[in-house]
Each structure stands twice: as C-alpha cells, then as structure tokens.
Protein backbone atom coordinates (compact mmCIF):
# COMPACT_ATOMS: atom_id res chain seq x y z
CA UNK A 1 17.20 2.23 23.15
CA UNK A 2 14.11 0.67 22.26
CA UNK A 3 12.13 2.95 23.41
CA UNK A 4 14.01 5.54 21.30
CA UNK A 5 13.36 3.18 17.77
CA UNK A 6 9.40 2.15 18.75
CA UNK A 7 8.46 5.98 18.03
CA UNK A 8 10.05 6.56 14.78
CA UNK A 9 8.68 3.39 13.53
CA UNK A 10 5.32 3.15 14.38
CA UNK A 11 5.00 7.18 12.88
CA UNK A 12 6.62 5.60 9.71
CA UNK A 13 3.78 2.96 9.66
CA UNK A 14 1.05 6.00 10.12
CA UNK A 15 3.40 8.24 7.34
CA UNK A 16 2.83 4.82 4.96
CA UNK A 17 -0.72 4.66 6.08
CA UNK A 18 -1.70 7.95 4.92
CA UNK A 19 -0.01 7.55 1.59
CA UNK A 20 -1.58 4.74 0.93
CA UNK A 21 -4.53 6.95 1.55
CA UNK A 22 -3.47 9.82 -0.64
CA UNK A 23 -2.57 7.04 -3.09
CA UNK A 24 -6.57 5.78 -3.04
CA UNK A 25 -7.60 9.52 -4.25
CA UNK A 26 -5.25 9.63 -6.62
CA UNK A 27 -5.95 8.21 -10.00
CA UNK A 28 -4.41 4.81 -11.06
CA UNK A 29 -4.00 5.04 -14.22
CA UNK A 30 -3.83 7.47 -16.95
CA UNK A 31 -4.70 7.15 -20.66
CA UNK A 32 -4.90 10.63 -22.69
CA UNK A 33 -7.32 8.61 -25.55
CA UNK A 34 -11.01 7.54 -25.63
CA UNK A 35 -11.18 3.79 -24.65
CA UNK A 36 -13.57 2.14 -27.00
CA UNK A 37 -16.79 0.62 -25.87
CA UNK A 38 -16.53 -2.78 -23.67
CA UNK A 39 -12.49 -1.75 -22.42
CA UNK A 40 -12.36 -2.72 -19.18
CA UNK A 41 -11.67 0.56 -16.58
CA UNK A 42 -7.95 0.62 -16.61
CA UNK A 43 -8.60 2.31 -12.80
CA UNK A 44 -8.28 0.07 -9.58
CA UNK A 45 -11.54 -1.35 -9.11
CA UNK A 46 -13.79 -0.37 -6.57
CA UNK A 47 -13.02 -3.46 -4.32
CA UNK A 48 -9.62 -3.52 -4.43
CA UNK A 49 -9.50 -0.24 -2.90
CA UNK A 50 -11.90 -1.27 -0.14
CA UNK A 51 -9.20 -3.93 0.55
CA UNK A 52 -5.93 -1.15 0.72
CA UNK A 53 -8.34 0.90 2.86
CA UNK A 54 -8.84 -1.96 5.13
CA UNK A 55 -5.09 -3.07 5.54
CA UNK A 56 -4.86 1.14 6.13
CA UNK A 57 -7.22 0.86 9.28
CA UNK A 58 -5.48 -2.80 10.28
CA UNK A 59 -2.06 -0.60 10.24
CA UNK A 60 -3.20 2.07 11.88
CA UNK A 61 -5.51 -0.09 14.89
CA UNK A 62 -1.45 -1.77 15.32
CA UNK A 63 0.86 1.15 15.77
CA UNK A 64 -1.88 2.26 17.82
CA UNK A 65 -1.08 -0.89 20.26
CA UNK A 66 2.18 -0.15 19.56
CA UNK A 67 2.35 3.14 21.34
CA UNK A 68 -0.33 2.27 23.90
CA UNK A 69 1.60 -1.78 25.13
CA UNK A 70 4.75 -0.32 24.63
CA UNK A 71 5.85 -3.19 22.70
CA UNK A 72 6.89 -3.51 19.47
CA UNK A 73 5.13 -6.80 18.18
CA UNK A 74 1.64 -5.27 17.56
CA UNK A 75 3.90 -3.10 14.62
CA UNK A 76 5.72 -5.90 13.76
CA UNK A 77 2.08 -6.94 12.32
CA UNK A 78 2.05 -4.09 10.04
CA UNK A 79 4.38 -5.78 7.30
CA UNK A 80 0.99 -7.98 7.01
CA UNK A 81 -1.16 -5.25 4.97
CA UNK A 82 1.75 -4.05 3.49
CA UNK A 83 2.38 -7.23 1.75
CA UNK A 84 -1.84 -7.00 1.22
CA UNK A 85 -1.46 -3.28 -0.68
CA UNK A 86 2.09 -3.93 -2.31
CA UNK A 87 0.09 -7.21 -3.54
CA UNK A 88 -3.22 -5.27 -4.81
CA UNK A 89 -0.99 -2.99 -6.75
CA UNK A 90 1.89 -5.19 -8.02
CA UNK A 91 -1.65 -7.28 -9.22
CA UNK A 92 -2.66 -3.83 -10.72
CA UNK A 93 0.07 -2.55 -12.27
CA UNK A 94 0.98 -6.24 -13.76
CA UNK A 95 -1.75 -7.82 -14.93
CA UNK A 96 -4.47 -5.37 -15.32
CA UNK A 97 -2.98 -2.25 -16.95
CA UNK A 98 -0.44 -4.54 -19.69
CA UNK A 99 -4.34 -6.30 -21.00
CA UNK A 100 -5.47 -3.75 -21.35
CA UNK A 101 -3.44 -1.90 -23.05
CA UNK A 102 -3.04 -5.26 -25.36
CA UNK A 103 -6.95 -4.07 -26.34
CA UNK A 104 -6.20 -0.48 -27.05
CA UNK A 105 -2.61 -0.06 -27.40
CA UNK A 106 -2.98 3.49 -28.99
CA UNK A 107 -4.78 4.51 -25.82
CA UNK A 108 -1.11 4.00 -24.46
CA UNK A 109 -2.19 3.25 -20.86
CA UNK A 110 0.49 3.97 -18.07
CA UNK A 111 0.46 3.72 -14.62
CA UNK A 112 -0.37 6.99 -12.61
CA UNK A 113 0.58 8.88 -9.96
CA UNK A 114 -1.68 7.04 -7.40
CA UNK A 115 -0.20 3.68 -8.41
CA UNK A 116 3.19 4.50 -7.48
CA UNK A 117 2.42 6.39 -4.09
CA UNK A 118 0.23 2.92 -3.31
CA UNK A 119 3.33 0.65 -4.15
CA UNK A 120 5.67 3.57 -2.03
CA UNK A 121 3.77 3.04 0.74
CA UNK A 122 3.10 -0.61 1.00
CA UNK A 123 6.45 -1.01 0.41
CA UNK A 124 7.20 0.87 3.14
CA UNK A 125 4.51 -0.47 5.68
CA UNK A 126 6.50 -4.04 5.09
CA UNK A 127 9.67 -2.52 5.80
CA UNK A 128 8.34 -0.52 8.74
CA UNK A 129 6.37 -4.44 10.09
CA UNK A 130 9.33 -6.26 8.96
CA UNK A 131 12.19 -3.90 10.98
CA UNK A 132 10.09 -3.67 13.97
CA UNK A 133 10.33 -7.84 14.12
CA UNK A 134 13.66 -8.30 14.06
CA UNK A 135 13.78 -5.46 16.68
CA UNK A 136 11.07 -8.14 18.82
CA UNK A 137 13.36 -10.89 17.95
CA UNK A 138 16.90 -9.41 18.79
CA UNK A 139 15.67 -8.37 22.55
CA UNK A 140 13.71 -11.62 22.70
C-alpha cells in the first residue's frame, strides 16, 4: 500500500515544481500605470527567482531519489524547498507590494498571476513533503 501512494506524491511534487517554473515565467506584479523614477520595481527580484529555481532543482532531485531508492524519506524533504518558495512569495506579497503601493498608491500595484501560481506551488510542495513525512513516520 505504501508503494501505491509513493508514486502520486512524487508526481505531485514534480507537478508543483513545474508550477514554480511556470510561476517564475509569469509576471509577479501588475501595475497599469507608469511608476515614477526612483520607485522600486515591484516584480520579484532576480535573486529571489534564482532561489525559487534552486528550490525546484532540489525538489526534483528528491523526487527522483524517491523513485530510485523506492523509499519515502527523500520525498519527505520536499517540504523544505516548498517552504522556501512559499516564504519567498509571502515576503514578496506581504512586504514588497504594500511598500511600493505606499510610494505610489495611484499605480494600483497588485500581485500578478505568477505570484499566485508560485504561492500555490510552494504550498503544494510543502504539503506533499509533509504527507510523505507522515507516511514514513507511520511505517517506522
């Protein structure tokens, strides 16, 4: 029974990783007006995008190890990259966007589709890793 659940969890982690890649290619902030000079760019910074991409690489490696070793333990660690992606996007949503809107409220800065896809994918990776961790704990 454990083997039957391992494959869907690893596939879910892979799909969530693809969701992160898709989210990184989409806009993470929507602003219809021009921002005045000196206003910080509301899009997700390149460094944070690279952190999310590295988290996806780690999650993909752990999902592959789950298939190769036929054990849940590597997949349980997928929650860590998921937490990284979720944390990066929550920082972007909660800290960056309101501060930019404070500088230029008429710009009507709002989270873009990419931010929501990244947040959903990060939460999905976290949930997948936690589900695998609980499965490992039950069998131990």
